Amino acid sequence: MIKSNGLIFTLNYFQTNQTCQLFYYTNNSIIIEFYSNSTFIFINQSKLSIITVQSNKLTTLSETSTSSSRSTSLPTSRTSPATITGSNCTINLTNAITLLSLVNVVSSGIYIQYSYSYTALTNLTRLTFSFRMDSASWFLDTVSAIQMGSSTELINNGAFSLGDTTNWLLCNPYNATNIGFIKNDPPNPQSGTYYWYDGSTGAADFLYTDFSTIKGSHYTISFYLKSNGGMPNSARVYIGS
């Protein structure tokens, strides 16, 4: 971790796929830059150069003050999607990219928006979320995919506003308990009245959706995520075809 010129920097390196995540923090936002096969050069501990980068993996996070409280009551509505047990939930992803990998993070208390640029590989794209939090929960809301230059939303029921699991499927390959569900709890969604509430215990569960794309076209993928910070925890997001 480095503090320089009013910014705080830190770096995650994933040895399995040789990718890097560079984090830097300002007074009003957190930025993640996600690059594959990159070279990081530190000059006098005050400047940072990045070369041989892939520009379609830039990730920006911004904080929002929406709904910082956590409900302690039982859910007023619970809709559980079909569960596939004993399968590999990401096995069919071709050239999958890990958009986000969070492990044992402290409670954010507020929703954080994650936004990514993605170039489609085929005419059908799958977005997969993986959650675990043994003693608390993750909150997911307002999942979006929009082709650049357009305003048309491609993910049906991305904000769970239908109150059911239309266009979503839950996979529980490791027989985790307390797996995720759609919750009707007006104080806690990022928008509307419904959101995905996930306290998968003992192992991660997987939630995914498919949407139509055009090969070679560029898309903005975004979602809002909040953490209660119970340990151990993890949240990962994958995209592929």
Foldseek 3Di string as FASTA:
>chain_A
DADAPQKDWDKDADVVQGKIWIWIDHPWFIFIQIFHPWDWDQDPSHDIDIPPGDVQLGKTKGFDAAQLDDDPDDFPDWADFDEAEQDDPCPPFDPKDWNDKDWLDAFPSGKMKMKGKDAAAAFKKKKKKKKAFAPAKKWKADKFKDFPPDDDTFQPCRRVQVVYQVQKHKYDHPPWPQAKTKGQPQSHRSDDGIIIIGHGHPGMIMMMGMTTDHHGTMMMTMIIMGDNRHPGIMMIMMMGD
